[in-house]
Amino acid sequence: MAAARQIVSICQMVSIYEMRWLLEVLFQGLHRDLGLGDYQMLHREAILAHLHLCCLAHLLLTHRCLAAIGAQATKAFQQVNLPTMNQRLATLRAQIARDRIRELVPGAKHEKLRQTLCDHLLAA
């Protein structure tokens, strides 16, 4: 009986450590890629607003990534491997650039020009 309690306790400890590791990875991404530690405010409300903006940016990038994965991301209790935060940012920036080029050069007959602009602007 005591051995069973010990096993449950060890399993719980591993589960807690796994959750802690996911939080560490989250804060590392927020700090490194989304500028969580780059605030220059001294007021508590401003620091909280900066924290909220970083978390919202993370949620937006994660939501876009999960939507792109599709049905694989809807399975319950299944871990989904996502790209790094830098890759998610690069994908979003590229999509915004493509959308801006489509607005700049509208019409179906200009597809080749749009593609050339995309290739040159995204390579820069």
PDB file of N, CA and C in Angstrom:
ATOM      1  N   MET A   1       0.824  -1.185   0.000  1.00  0.00           N
ATOM      2  CA  MET A   1       0.000   0.000   0.000  1.00  0.00           C
ATOM      3  C   MET A   1       0.876   1.259   0.000  1.00  0.00           C
ATOM      4  N   ALA A   2       1.919   1.255   0.804  1.00  0.00           N
ATOM      5  CA  ALA A   2       2.815   2.417   0.862  1.00  0.00           C
ATOM      6  C   ALA A   2       3.544   2.597  -0.462  1.00  0.00           C
ATOM      7  N   ALA A   3       3.877   1.483  -1.110  1.00  0.00           N
ATOM      8  CA  ALA A   3       4.560   1.560  -2.404  1.00  0.00           C
ATOM      9  C   ALA A   3       3.640   2.180  -3.450  1.00  0.00           C
ATOM     10  N   ALA A   4       2.352   1.893  -3.404  1.00  0.00           N
ATOM     11  CA  ALA A   4       1.400   2.468  -4.359  1.00  0.00           C
ATOM     12  C   ALA A   4       1.304   3.975  -4.168  1.00  0.00           C
ATOM     13  N   ARG A   5       1.300   4.421  -2.907  1.00  0.00           N
ATOM     14  CA  ARG A   5       1.274   5.862  -2.642  1.00  0.00           C
ATOM     15  C   ARG A   5       2.535   6.527  -3.154  1.00  0.00           C
ATOM     16  N   GLN A   6       3.663   5.865  -3.006  1.00  0.00           N
ATOM     17  CA  GLN A   6       4.941   6.398  -3.477  1.00  0.00           C
ATOM     18  C   GLN A   6       4.921   6.553  -4.995  1.00  0.00           C
ATOM     19  N   ILE A   7       4.386   5.566  -5.712  1.00  0.00           N
ATOM     20  CA  ILE A   7       4.325   5.630  -7.170  1.00  0.00           C
ATOM     21  C   ILE A   7       3.431   6.778  -7.617  1.00  0.00           C
ATOM     22  N   VAL A   8       2.287   6.933  -6.987  1.00  0.00           N
ATOM     23  CA  VAL A   8       1.392   8.034  -7.331  1.00  0.00           C
ATOM     24  C   VAL A   8       2.094   9.352  -7.066  1.00  0.00           C
ATOM     25  N   SER A   9       2.783   9.440  -5.981  1.00  0.00           N
ATOM     26  CA  SER A   9       3.489  10.666  -5.639  1.00  0.00           C
ATOM     27  C   SER A   9       4.571  10.976  -6.672  1.00  0.00           C
ATOM     28  N   ILE A  10       5.308   9.974  -7.112  1.00  0.00           N
ATOM     29  CA  ILE A  10       6.349  10.179  -8.125  1.00  0.00           C
ATOM     30  C   ILE A  10       5.714  10.592  -9.450  1.00  0.00           C
ATOM     31  N   CYS A  11       4.609   9.967  -9.824  1.00  0.00           N
ATOM     32  CA  CYS A  11       3.909  10.340 -11.060  1.00  0.00           C
ATOM     33  C   CYS A  11       3.403  11.776 -10.990  1.00  0.00           C
ATOM     34  N   GLN A  12       2.889  12.172  -9.837  1.00  0.00           N
ATOM     35  CA  GLN A  12       2.428  13.543  -9.682  1.00  0.00           C
ATOM     36  C   GLN A  12       3.595  14.518  -9.788  1.00  0.00           C
ATOM     37  N   MET A  13       4.732  14.159  -9.211  1.00  0.00           N
ATOM     38  CA  MET A  13       5.902  15.032  -9.282  1.00  0.00           C
ATOM     39  C   MET A  13       6.360  15.204 -10.725  1.00  0.00           C
ATOM     40  N   VAL A  14       6.378  14.151 -11.500  1.00  0.00           N
ATOM     41  CA  VAL A  14       6.779  14.231 -12.905  1.00  0.00           C
ATOM     42  C   VAL A  14       5.787  15.094 -13.675  1.00  0.00           C
ATOM     43  N   SER A  15       4.501  14.925 -13.397  1.00  0.00           N
ATOM     44  CA  SER A  15       3.474  15.718 -14.072  1.00  0.00           C
ATOM     45  C   SER A  15       3.628  17.208 -13.765  1.00  0.00           C
ATOM     46  N   ILE A  16       3.890  17.528 -12.512  1.00  0.00           N
ATOM     47  CA  ILE A  16       4.091  18.924 -12.117  1.00  0.00           C
ATOM     48  C   ILE A  16       5.336  19.483 -12.778  1.00  0.00           C
ATOM     49  N   TYR A  17       6.393  18.705 -12.841  1.00  0.00           N
ATOM     50  CA  TYR A  17       7.618  19.173 -13.482  1.00  0.00           C
ATOM     51  C   TYR A  17       7.392  19.423 -14.968  1.00  0.00           C
ATOM     52  N   GLU A  18       6.630  18.563 -15.628  1.00  0.00           N
ATOM     53  CA  GLU A  18       6.332  18.764 -17.048  1.00  0.00           C
ATOM     54  C   GLU A  18       5.563  20.065 -17.261  1.00  0.00           C
ATOM     55  N   MET A  19       4.581  20.347 -16.384  1.00  0.00           N
ATOM     56  CA  MET A  19       3.831  21.602 -16.496  1.00  0.00           C
ATOM     57  C   MET A  19       4.756  22.790 -16.246  1.00  0.00           C
ATOM     58  N   ARG A  20       5.650  22.659 -15.280  1.00  0.00           N
ATOM     59  CA  ARG A  20       6.591  23.741 -14.980  1.00  0.00           C
ATOM     60  C   ARG A  20       7.505  23.981 -16.173  1.00  0.00           C
ATOM     61  N   TRP A  21       7.947  22.921 -16.822  1.00  0.00           N
ATOM     62  CA  TRP A  21       8.821  23.062 -17.982  1.00  0.00           C
ATOM     63  C   TRP A  21       8.109  23.811 -19.111  1.00  0.00           C
ATOM     64  N   LEU A  22       6.834  23.495 -19.342  1.00  0.00           N
ATOM     65  CA  LEU A  22       6.077  24.201 -20.370  1.00  0.00           C
ATOM     66  C   LEU A  22       5.972  25.695 -20.042  1.00  0.00           C
ATOM     67  N   LEU A  23       5.806  26.027 -18.766  1.00  0.00           N
ATOM     68  CA  LEU A  23       5.769  27.434 -18.364  1.00  0.00           C
ATOM     69  C   LEU A  23       7.122  28.109 -18.574  1.00  0.00           C
ATOM     70  N   GLU A  24       8.199  27.399 -18.285  1.00  0.00           N
ATOM     71  CA  GLU A  24       9.539  27.956 -18.507  1.00  0.00           C
ATOM     72  C   GLU A  24       9.754  28.258 -19.984  1.00  0.00           C
ATOM     73  N   VAL A  25       9.347  27.348 -20.847  1.00  0.00           N
ATOM     74  CA  VAL A  25       9.488  27.552 -22.294  1.00  0.00           C
ATOM     75  C   VAL A  25       8.627  28.733 -22.739  1.00  0.00           C
ATOM     76  N   LEU A  26       7.422  28.847 -22.196  1.00  0.00           N
ATOM     77  CA  LEU A  26       6.542  29.973 -22.521  1.00  0.00           C
ATOM     78  C   LEU A  26       7.204  31.296 -22.161  1.00  0.00           C
ATOM     79  N   PHE A  27       7.700  31.422 -20.943  1.00  0.00           N
ATOM     80  CA  PHE A  27       8.306  32.686 -20.523  1.00  0.00           C
ATOM     81  C   PHE A  27       9.608  32.965 -21.265  1.00  0.00           C
ATOM     82  N   GLN A  28      10.340  31.934 -21.628  1.00  0.00           N
ATOM     83  CA  GLN A  28      11.545  32.143 -22.431  1.00  0.00           C
ATOM     84  C   GLN A  28      11.175  32.734 -23.786  1.00  0.00           C
ATOM     85  N   GLY A  29      10.140  32.192 -24.425  1.00  0.00           N
ATOM     86  CA  GLY A  29       9.692  32.733 -25.705  1.00  0.00           C
ATOM     87  C   GLY A  29       9.153  34.148 -25.572  1.00  0.00           C
ATOM     88  N   LEU A  30       8.385  34.409 -24.521  1.00  0.00           N
ATOM     89  CA  LEU A  30       7.869  35.760 -24.298  1.00  0.00           C
ATOM     90  C   LEU A  30       9.008  36.754 -24.091  1.00  0.00           C
ATOM     91  N   HIS A  31       9.998  36.343 -23.351  1.00  0.00           N
ATOM     92  CA  HIS A  31      11.118  37.240 -23.044  1.00  0.00           C
ATOM     93  C   HIS A  31      12.008  37.462 -24.268  1.00  0.00           C
ATOM     94  N   ARG A  32      12.395  36.390 -24.940  1.00  0.00           N
ATOM     95  CA  ARG A  32      13.359  36.478 -26.034  1.00  0.00           C
ATOM     96  C   ARG A  32      12.738  37.008 -27.319  1.00  0.00           C
ATOM     97  N   ASP A  33      11.579  36.495 -27.689  1.00  0.00           N
ATOM     98  CA  ASP A  33      11.025  36.793 -29.007  1.00  0.00           C
ATOM     99  C   ASP A  33       9.972  37.889 -29.017  1.00  0.00           C
ATOM    100  N   LEU A  34       9.259  38.065 -27.915  1.00  0.00           N
ATOM    101  CA  LEU A  34       8.172  39.036 -27.903  1.00  0.00           C
ATOM    102  C   LEU A  34       8.454  40.246 -27.019  1.00  0.00           C
ATOM    103  N   GLY A  35       9.652  40.343 -26.462  1.00  0.00           N
ATOM    104  CA  GLY A  35      10.062  41.545 -25.747  1.00  0.00           C
ATOM    105  C   GLY A  35       9.479  41.721 -24.367  1.00  0.00           C
ATOM    106  N   LEU A  36       9.200  40.632 -23.675  1.00  0.00           N
ATOM    107  CA  LEU A  36       8.619  40.755 -22.340  1.00  0.00           C
ATOM    108  C   LEU A  36       9.522  41.547 -21.399  1.00  0.00           C
ATOM    109  N   GLY A  37      10.814  41.352 -21.472  1.00  0.00           N
ATOM    110  CA  GLY A  37      11.721  42.041 -20.558  1.00  0.00           C
ATOM    111  C   GLY A  37      12.193  43.392 -21.045  1.00  0.00           C
ATOM    112  N   ASP A  38      11.640  43.886 -22.153  1.00  0.00           N
ATOM    113  CA  ASP A  38      12.120  45.130 -22.747  1.00  0.00           C
ATOM    114  C   ASP A  38      11.327  46.355 -22.332  1.00  0.00           C
ATOM    115  N   TYR A  39      10.553  46.252 -21.286  1.00  0.00           N
ATOM    116  CA  TYR A  39       9.777  47.416 -20.867  1.00  0.00           C
ATOM    117  C   TYR A  39      10.701  48.439 -20.212  1.00  0.00           C
ATOM    118  N   GLN A  40      10.348  49.711 -20.352  1.00  0.00           N
ATOM    119  CA  GLN A  40      11.141  50.785 -19.754  1.00  0.00           C
ATOM    120  C   GLN A  40      10.248  51.678 -18.891  1.00  0.00           C
ATOM    121  N   MET A  41       9.184  51.094 -18.376  1.00  0.00           N
ATOM    122  CA  MET A  41       8.252  51.840 -17.543  1.00  0.00           C
ATOM    123  C   MET A  41       8.518  51.522 -16.073  1.00  0.00           C
ATOM    124  N   LEU A  42       8.148  52.441 -15.246  1.00  0.00           N
ATOM    125  CA  LEU A  42       8.319  52.216 -13.820  1.00  0.00           C
ATOM    126  C   LEU A  42       6.975  52.065 -13.104  1.00  0.00           C
ATOM    127  N   HIS A  43       5.906  52.441 -13.750  1.00  0.00           N
ATOM    128  CA  HIS A  43       4.595  52.357 -13.119  1.00  0.00           C
ATOM    129  C   HIS A  43       4.045  50.934 -13.245  1.00  0.00           C
ATOM    130  N   ARG A  44       3.431  50.485 -12.188  1.00  0.00           N
ATOM    131  CA  ARG A  44       2.903  49.125 -12.132  1.00  0.00           C
ATOM    132  C   ARG A  44       1.901  48.861 -13.251  1.00  0.00           C
ATOM    133  N   GLU A  45       1.008  49.807 -13.508  1.00  0.00           N
ATOM    134  CA  GLU A  45      -0.014  49.630 -14.544  1.00  0.00           C
ATOM    135  C   GLU A  45       0.622  49.504 -15.924  1.00  0.00           C
ATOM    136  N   ALA A  46       1.674  50.272 -16.188  1.00  0.00           N
ATOM    137  CA  ALA A  46       2.340  50.204 -17.490  1.00  0.00           C
ATOM    138  C   ALA A  46       3.047  48.861 -17.677  1.00  0.00           C
ATOM    139  N   ILE A  47       3.658  48.367 -16.613  1.00  0.00           N
ATOM    140  CA  ILE A  47       4.327  47.068 -16.686  1.00  0.00           C
ATOM    141  C   ILE A  47       3.295  45.965 -16.921  1.00  0.00           C
ATOM    142  N   LEU A  48       2.151  46.040 -16.233  1.00  0.00           N
ATOM    143  CA  LEU A  48       1.085  45.055 -16.440  1.00  0.00           C
ATOM    144  C   LEU A  48       0.531  45.131 -17.864  1.00  0.00           C
ATOM    145  N   ALA A  49       0.367  46.332 -18.402  1.00  0.00           N
ATOM    146  CA  ALA A  49      -0.120  46.471 -19.779  1.00  0.00           C
ATOM    147  C   ALA A  49       0.871  45.845 -20.753  1.00  0.00           C
ATOM    148  N   HIS A  50       2.169  46.050 -20.513  1.00  0.00           N
ATOM    149  CA  HIS A  50       3.192  45.450 -21.377  1.00  0.00           C
ATOM    150  C   HIS A  50       3.134  43.923 -21.292  1.00  0.00           C
ATOM    151  N   LEU A  51       2.987  43.399 -20.091  1.00  0.00           N
ATOM    152  CA  LEU A  51       2.856  41.948 -19.909  1.00  0.00           C
ATOM    153  C   LEU A  51       1.638  41.422 -20.662  1.00  0.00           C
ATOM    154  N   HIS A  52       0.519  42.119 -20.560  1.00  0.00           N
ATOM    155  CA  HIS A  52      -0.699  41.688 -21.251  1.00  0.00           C
ATOM    156  C   HIS A  52      -0.521  41.724 -22.766  1.00  0.00           C
ATOM    157  N   LEU A  53       0.142  42.749 -23.291  1.00  0.00           N
ATOM    158  CA  LEU A  53       0.375  42.831 -24.733  1.00  0.00           C
ATOM    159  C   LEU A  53       1.261  41.683 -25.218  1.00  0.00           C
ATOM    160  N   CYS A  54       2.298  41.356 -24.458  1.00  0.00           N
ATOM    161  CA  CYS A  54       3.162  40.230 -24.836  1.00  0.00           C
ATOM    162  C   CYS A  54       2.382  38.921 -24.837  1.00  0.00           C
ATOM    163  N   CYS A  55       1.534  38.733 -23.830  1.00  0.00           N
ATOM    164  CA  CYS A  55       0.727  37.505 -23.764  1.00  0.00           C
ATOM    165  C   CYS A  55      -0.295  37.456 -24.899  1.00  0.00           C
ATOM    166  N   LEU A  56      -0.900  38.590 -25.242  1.00  0.00           N
ATOM    167  CA  LEU A  56      -1.836  38.624 -26.366  1.00  0.00           C
ATOM    168  C   LEU A  56      -1.134  38.319 -27.679  1.00  0.00           C
ATOM    169  N   ALA A  57       0.082  38.826 -27.859  1.00  0.00           N
ATOM    170  CA  ALA A  57       0.846  38.516 -29.066  1.00  0.00           C
ATOM    171  C   ALA A  57       1.130  37.018 -29.130  1.00  0.00           C
ATOM    172  N   HIS A  58       1.480  36.434 -28.010  1.00  0.00           N
ATOM    173  CA  HIS A  58       1.720  34.988 -27.964  1.00  0.00           C
ATOM    174  C   HIS A  58       0.455  34.219 -28.332  1.00  0.00           C
ATOM    175  N   LEU A  59      -0.669  34.627 -27.763  1.00  0.00           N
ATOM    176  CA  LEU A  59      -1.936  33.956 -28.065  1.00  0.00           C
ATOM    177  C   LEU A  59      -2.296  34.075 -29.545  1.00  0.00           C
ATOM    178  N   LEU A  60      -2.096  35.254 -30.126  1.00  0.00           N
ATOM    179  CA  LEU A  60      -2.386  35.441 -31.544  1.00  0.00           C
ATOM    180  C   LEU A  60      -1.533  34.519 -32.405  1.00  0.00           C
ATOM    181  N   LEU A  61      -0.234  34.491 -32.139  1.00  0.00           N
ATOM    182  CA  LEU A  61       0.665  33.651 -32.932  1.00  0.00           C
ATOM    183  C   LEU A  61       0.352  32.170 -32.757  1.00  0.00           C
ATOM    184  N   THR A  62       0.024  31.767 -31.543  1.00  0.00           N
ATOM    185  CA  THR A  62      -0.307  30.365 -31.285  1.00  0.00           C
ATOM    186  C   THR A  62      -1.632  29.998 -31.946  1.00  0.00           C
ATOM    187  N   HIS A  63      -2.614  30.879 -31.869  1.00  0.00           N
ATOM    188  CA  HIS A  63      -3.913  30.626 -32.503  1.00  0.00           C
ATOM    189  C   HIS A  63      -3.761  30.474 -34.014  1.00  0.00           C
ATOM    190  N   ARG A  64      -2.992  31.364 -34.642  1.00  0.00           N
ATOM    191  CA  ARG A  64      -2.772  31.277 -36.086  1.00  0.00           C
ATOM    192  C   ARG A  64      -2.088  29.957 -36.453  1.00  0.00           C
ATOM    193  N   CYS A  65      -1.140  29.557 -35.641  1.00  0.00           N
ATOM    194  CA  CYS A  65      -0.405  28.325 -35.905  1.00  0.00           C
ATOM    195  C   CYS A  65      -1.316  27.103 -35.757  1.00  0.00           C
ATOM    196  N   LEU A  66      -2.132  27.079 -34.709  1.00  0.00           N
ATOM    197  CA  LEU A  66      -3.053  25.959 -34.508  1.00  0.00           C
ATOM    198  C   LEU A  66      -4.117  25.916 -35.601  1.00  0.00           C
ATOM    199  N   ALA A  67      -4.576  27.084 -36.048  1.00  0.00           N
ATOM    200  CA  ALA A  67      -5.554  27.119 -37.137  1.00  0.00           C
ATOM    201  C   ALA A  67      -4.937  26.591 -38.428  1.00  0.00           C
ATOM    202  N   ALA A  68      -3.655  26.865 -38.654  1.00  0.00           N
ATOM    203  CA  ALA A  68      -2.987  26.370 -39.855  1.00  0.00           C
ATOM    204  C   ALA A  68      -2.802  24.850 -39.797  1.00  0.00           C
ATOM    205  N   ILE A  69      -2.591  24.316 -38.600  1.00  0.00           N
ATOM    206  CA  ILE A  69      -2.437  22.866 -38.448  1.00  0.00           C
ATOM    207  C   ILE A  69      -3.763  22.170 -38.723  1.00  0.00           C
ATOM    208  N   GLY A  70      -4.855  22.765 -38.265  1.00  0.00           N
ATOM    209  CA  GLY A  70      -6.181  22.241 -38.555  1.00  0.00           C
ATOM    210  C   GLY A  70      -6.640  21.162 -37.601  1.00  0.00           C
ATOM    211  N   ALA A  71      -7.145  20.070 -38.152  1.00  0.00           N
ATOM    212  CA  ALA A  71      -7.795  19.019 -37.369  1.00  0.00           C
ATOM    213  C   ALA A  71      -6.848  18.368 -36.367  1.00  0.00           C
ATOM    214  N   GLN A  72      -5.573  18.343 -36.670  1.00  0.00           N
ATOM    215  CA  GLN A  72      -4.619  17.722 -35.751  1.00  0.00           C
ATOM    216  C   GLN A  72      -4.619  18.441 -34.401  1.00  0.00           C
ATOM    217  N   ALA A  73      -4.887  19.753 -34.406  1.00  0.00           N
ATOM    218  CA  ALA A  73      -4.858  20.537 -33.177  1.00  0.00           C
ATOM    219  C   ALA A  73      -6.141  20.428 -32.371  1.00  0.00           C
ATOM    220  N   THR A  74      -7.149  19.732 -32.868  1.00  0.00           N
ATOM    221  CA  THR A  74      -8.418  19.634 -32.152  1.00  0.00           C
ATOM    222  C   THR A  74      -8.560  18.355 -31.351  1.00  0.00           C
ATOM    223  N   LYS A  75      -7.593  17.467 -31.410  1.00  0.00           N
ATOM    224  CA  LYS A  75      -7.666  16.208 -30.663  1.00  0.00           C
ATOM    225  C   LYS A  75      -7.338  16.465 -29.197  1.00  0.00           C
ATOM    226  N   ALA A  76      -8.224  16.028 -28.334  1.00  0.00           N
ATOM    227  CA  ALA A  76      -8.057  16.264 -26.899  1.00  0.00           C
ATOM    228  C   ALA A  76      -6.898  15.448 -26.339  1.00  0.00           C
ATOM    229  N   PHE A  77      -6.194  16.028 -25.410  1.00  0.00           N
ATOM    230  CA  PHE A  77      -5.115  15.385 -24.669  1.00  0.00           C
ATOM    231  C   PHE A  77      -3.991  14.867 -25.570  1.00  0.00           C
ATOM    232  N   GLN A  78      -3.778  15.523 -26.677  1.00  0.00           N
ATOM    233  CA  GLN A  78      -2.683  15.143 -27.565  1.00  0.00           C
ATOM    234  C   GLN A  78      -1.781  16.360 -27.747  1.00  0.00           C
ATOM    235  N   GLN A  79      -0.513  16.169 -27.477  1.00  0.00           N
ATOM    236  CA  GLN A  79       0.429  17.271 -27.612  1.00  0.00           C
ATOM    237  C   GLN A  79       0.694  17.547 -29.088  1.00  0.00           C
ATOM    238  N   VAL A  80       0.705  18.824 -29.443  1.00  0.00           N
ATOM    239  CA  VAL A  80       0.927  19.246 -30.817  1.00  0.00           C
ATOM    240  C   VAL A  80       2.256  19.984 -30.861  1.00  0.00           C
ATOM    241  N   ASN A  81       3.121  19.571 -31.764  1.00  0.00           N
ATOM    242  CA  ASN A  81       4.398  20.257 -31.916  1.00  0.00           C
ATOM    243  C   ASN A  81       4.205  21.494 -32.772  1.00  0.00           C
ATOM    244  N   LEU A  82       4.516  22.640 -32.194  1.00  0.00           N
ATOM    245  CA  LEU A  82       4.374  23.916 -32.887  1.00  0.00           C
ATOM    246  C   LEU A  82       5.736  24.448 -33.289  1.00  0.00           C
ATOM    247  N   PRO A  83       5.784  25.275 -34.324  1.00  0.00           N
ATOM    248  CA  PRO A  83       7.055  25.922 -34.676  1.00  0.00           C
ATOM    249  C   PRO A  83       7.507  26.854 -33.551  1.00  0.00           C
ATOM    250  N   THR A  84       8.755  27.248 -33.604  1.00  0.00           N
ATOM    251  CA  THR A  84       9.259  28.175 -32.591  1.00  0.00           C
ATOM    252  C   THR A  84       8.581  29.522 -32.750  1.00  0.00           C
ATOM    253  N   MET A  85       8.695  30.353 -31.735  1.00  0.00           N
ATOM    254  CA  MET A  85       8.073  31.668 -31.773  1.00  0.00           C
ATOM    255  C   MET A  85       8.650  32.508 -32.911  1.00  0.00           C
ATOM    256  N   ASN A  86       9.953  32.402 -33.165  1.00  0.00           N
ATOM    257  CA  ASN A  86      10.563  33.134 -34.274  1.00  0.00           C
ATOM    258  C   ASN A  86       9.974  32.699 -35.608  1.00  0.00           C
ATOM    259  N   GLN A  87       9.746  31.410 -35.776  1.00  0.00           N
ATOM    260  CA  GLN A  87       9.145  30.916 -37.022  1.00  0.00           C
ATOM    261  C   GLN A  87       7.708  31.401 -37.165  1.00  0.00           C
ATOM    262  N   ARG A  88       6.975  31.431 -36.046  1.00  0.00           N
ATOM    263  CA  ARG A  88       5.598  31.934 -36.089  1.00  0.00           C
ATOM    264  C   ARG A  88       5.576  33.412 -36.459  1.00  0.00           C
ATOM    265  N   LEU A  89       6.509  34.187 -35.900  1.00  0.00           N
ATOM    266  CA  LEU A  89       6.609  35.610 -36.235  1.00  0.00           C
ATOM    267  C   LEU A  89       6.951  35.802 -37.709  1.00  0.00           C
ATOM    268  N   ALA A  90       7.893  35.021 -38.210  1.00  0.00           N
ATOM    269  CA  ALA A  90       8.296  35.137 -39.609  1.00  0.00           C
ATOM    270  C   ALA A  90       7.125  34.797 -40.536  1.00  0.00           C
ATOM    271  N   THR A  91       6.351  33.790 -40.188  1.00  0.00           N
ATOM    272  CA  THR A  91       5.188  33.414 -40.994  1.00  0.00           C
ATOM    273  C   THR A  91       4.160  34.537 -41.012  1.00  0.00           C
ATOM    274  N   LEU A  92       3.900  35.133 -39.859  1.00  0.00           N
ATOM    275  CA  LEU A  92       2.942  36.238 -39.785  1.00  0.00           C
ATOM    276  C   LEU A  92       3.428  37.433 -40.600  1.00  0.00           C
ATOM    277  N   ARG A  93       4.706  37.783 -40.468  1.00  0.00           N
ATOM    278  CA  ARG A  93       5.253  38.910 -41.231  1.00  0.00           C
ATOM    279  C   ARG A  93       5.161  38.653 -42.736  1.00  0.00           C
ATOM    280  N   ALA A  94       5.455  37.448 -43.165  1.00  0.00           N
ATOM    281  CA  ALA A  94       5.372  37.112 -44.587  1.00  0.00           C
ATOM    282  C   ALA A  94       3.925  37.203 -45.078  1.00  0.00           C
ATOM    283  N   GLN A  95       2.979  36.743 -44.277  1.00  0.00           N
ATOM    284  CA  GLN A  95       1.571  36.818 -44.671  1.00  0.00           C
ATOM    285  C   GLN A  95       1.111  38.268 -44.770  1.00  0.00           C
ATOM    286  N   ILE A  96       1.533  39.101 -43.834  1.00  0.00           N
ATOM    287  CA  ILE A  96       1.179  40.522 -43.880  1.00  0.00           C
ATOM    288  C   ILE A  96       1.767  41.168 -45.126  1.00  0.00           C
ATOM    289  N   ALA A  97       3.019  40.831 -45.457  1.00  0.00           N
ATOM    290  CA  ALA A  97       3.647  41.378 -46.661  1.00  0.00           C
ATOM    291  C   ALA A  97       2.885  40.947 -47.915  1.00  0.00           C
ATOM    292  N   ARG A  98       2.488  39.671 -47.981  1.00  0.00           N
ATOM    293  CA  ARG A  98       1.729  39.199 -49.146  1.00  0.00           C
ATOM    294  C   ARG A  98       0.390  39.927 -49.271  1.00  0.00           C
ATOM    295  N   ASP A  99      -0.280  40.122 -48.138  1.00  0.00           N
ATOM    296  CA  ASP A  99      -1.560  40.831 -48.158  1.00  0.00           C
ATOM    297  C   ASP A  99      -1.388  42.270 -48.625  1.00  0.00           C
ATOM    298  N   ARG A 100      -0.341  42.934 -48.168  1.00  0.00           N
ATOM    299  CA  ARG A 100      -0.078  44.329 -48.575  1.00  0.00           C
ATOM    300  C   ARG A 100       0.232  44.412 -50.067  1.00  0.00           C
ATOM    301  N   ILE A 101       0.971  43.445 -50.584  1.00  0.00           N
ATOM    302  CA  ILE A 101       1.300  43.443 -52.016  1.00  0.00           C
ATOM    303  C   ILE A 101       0.039  43.213 -52.835  1.00  0.00           C
ATOM    304  N   ARG A 102      -0.856  42.337 -52.359  1.00  0.00           N
ATOM    305  CA  ARG A 102      -2.124  42.122 -53.073  1.00  0.00           C
ATOM    306  C   ARG A 102      -2.951  43.400 -53.119  1.00  0.00           C
ATOM    307  N   GLU A 103      -2.922  44.177 -52.033  1.00  0.00           N
ATOM    308  CA  GLU A 103      -3.643  45.450 -52.015  1.00  0.00           C
ATOM    309  C   GLU A 103      -2.974  46.475 -52.929  1.00  0.00           C
ATOM    310  N   LEU A 104      -1.656  46.433 -52.993  1.00  0.00           N
ATOM    311  CA  LEU A 104      -0.902  47.385 -53.807  1.00  0.00           C
ATOM    312  C   LEU A 104      -1.086  47.116 -55.296  1.00  0.00           C
ATOM    313  N   VAL A 105      -1.093  45.837 -55.676  1.00  0.00           N
ATOM    314  CA  VAL A 105      -1.219  45.452 -57.087  1.00  0.00           C
ATOM    315  C   VAL A 105      -2.442  44.537 -57.215  1.00  0.00           C
ATOM    316  N   PRO A 106      -3.648  45.134 -57.311  1.00  0.00           N
ATOM    317  CA  PRO A 106      -4.859  44.311 -57.384  1.00  0.00           C
ATOM    318  C   PRO A 106      -5.089  43.772 -58.795  1.00  0.00           C
ATOM    319  N   GLY A 107      -6.004  42.834 -58.876  1.00  0.00           N
ATOM    320  CA  GLY A 107      -6.415  42.308 -60.172  1.00  0.00           C
ATOM    321  C   GLY A 107      -5.789  40.968 -60.484  1.00  0.00           C
ATOM    322  N   ALA A 108      -6.535  40.166 -61.239  1.00  0.00           N
ATOM    323  CA  ALA A 108      -6.076  38.813 -61.574  1.00  0.00           C
ATOM    324  C   ALA A 108      -4.948  38.809 -62.587  1.00  0.00           C
ATOM    325  N   LYS A 109      -4.863  39.831 -63.435  1.00  0.00           N
ATOM    326  CA  LYS A 109      -3.854  39.818 -64.495  1.00  0.00           C
ATOM    327  C   LYS A 109      -2.450  40.169 -63.995  1.00  0.00           C
ATOM    328  N   HIS A 110      -2.318  40.603 -62.746  1.00  0.00           N
ATOM    329  CA  HIS A 110      -1.019  41.010 -62.214  1.00  0.00           C
ATOM    330  C   HIS A 110      -0.406  39.977 -61.274  1.00  0.00           C
ATOM    331  N   GLU A 111      -0.805  38.734 -61.376  1.00  0.00           N
ATOM    332  CA  GLU A 111      -0.305  37.694 -60.464  1.00  0.00           C
ATOM    333  C   GLU A 111       1.209  37.534 -60.564  1.00  0.00           C
ATOM    334  N   LYS A 112       1.754  37.575 -61.769  1.00  0.00           N
ATOM    335  CA  LYS A 112       3.200  37.408 -61.942  1.00  0.00           C
ATOM    336  C   LYS A 112       3.960  38.572 -61.291  1.00  0.00           C
ATOM    337  N   LEU A 113       3.449  39.784 -61.437  1.00  0.00           N
ATOM    338  CA  LEU A 113       4.071  40.948 -60.802  1.00  0.00           C
ATOM    339  C   LEU A 113       4.013  40.831 -59.289  1.00  0.00           C
ATOM    340  N   ARG A 114       2.865  40.398 -58.760  1.00  0.00           N
ATOM    341  CA  ARG A 114       2.748  40.210 -57.305  1.00  0.00           C
ATOM    342  C   ARG A 114       3.747  39.176 -56.808  1.00  0.00           C
ATOM    343  N   GLN A 115       3.892  38.085 -57.530  1.00  0.00           N
ATOM    344  CA  GLN A 115       4.831  37.038 -57.123  1.00  0.00           C
ATOM    345  C   GLN A 115       6.258  37.552 -57.139  1.00  0.00           C
ATOM    346  N   THR A 116       6.612  38.318 -58.152  1.00  0.00           N
ATOM    347  CA  THR A 116       7.963  38.888 -58.227  1.00  0.00           C
ATOM    348  C   THR A 116       8.207  39.842 -57.060  1.00  0.00           C
ATOM    349  N   LEU A 117       7.218  40.691 -56.753  1.00  0.00           N
ATOM    350  CA  LEU A 117       7.345  41.604 -55.611  1.00  0.00           C
ATOM    351  C   LEU A 117       7.499  40.829 -54.307  1.00  0.00           C
ATOM    352  N   CYS A 118       6.696  39.805 -54.148  1.00  0.00           N
ATOM    353  CA  CYS A 118       6.799  38.971 -52.929  1.00  0.00           C
ATOM    354  C   CYS A 118       8.188  38.367 -52.810  1.00  0.00           C
ATOM    355  N   ASP A 119       8.681  37.815 -53.902  1.00  0.00           N
ATOM    356  CA  ASP A 119       9.999  37.175 -53.860  1.00  0.00           C
ATOM    357  C   ASP A 119      11.086  38.173 -53.467  1.00  0.00           C
ATOM    358  N   HIS A 120      11.040  39.357 -54.033  1.00  0.00           N
ATOM    359  CA  HIS A 120      12.092  40.353 -53.756  1.00  0.00           C
ATOM    360  C   HIS A 120      11.955  40.974 -52.373  1.00  0.00           C
ATOM    361  N   LEU A 121      10.730  41.285 -51.977  1.00  0.00           N
ATOM    362  CA  LEU A 121      10.533  41.943 -50.679  1.00  0.00           C
ATOM    363  C   LEU A 121      10.741  40.976 -49.507  1.00  0.00           C
ATOM    364  N   LEU A 122      10.309  39.745 -49.667  1.00  0.00           N
ATOM    365  CA  LEU A 122      10.464  38.798 -48.573  1.00  0.00           C
ATOM    366  C   LEU A 122      11.911  38.302 -48.458  1.00  0.00           C
ATOM    367  N   ALA A 123      12.669  38.380 -49.532  1.00  0.00           N
ATOM    368  CA  ALA A 123      14.082  37.985 -49.472  1.00  0.00           C
ATOM    369  C   ALA A 123      14.919  39.033 -48.746  1.00  0.00           C
ATOM    370  N   ALA A 124      14.444  40.266 -48.705  1.00  0.00           N
ATOM    371  CA  ALA A 124      15.203  41.366 -48.073  1.00  0.00           C
ATOM    372  C   ALA A 124      15.185  41.285 -46.571  1.00  0.00           C
TER     373      ALA A 124
END
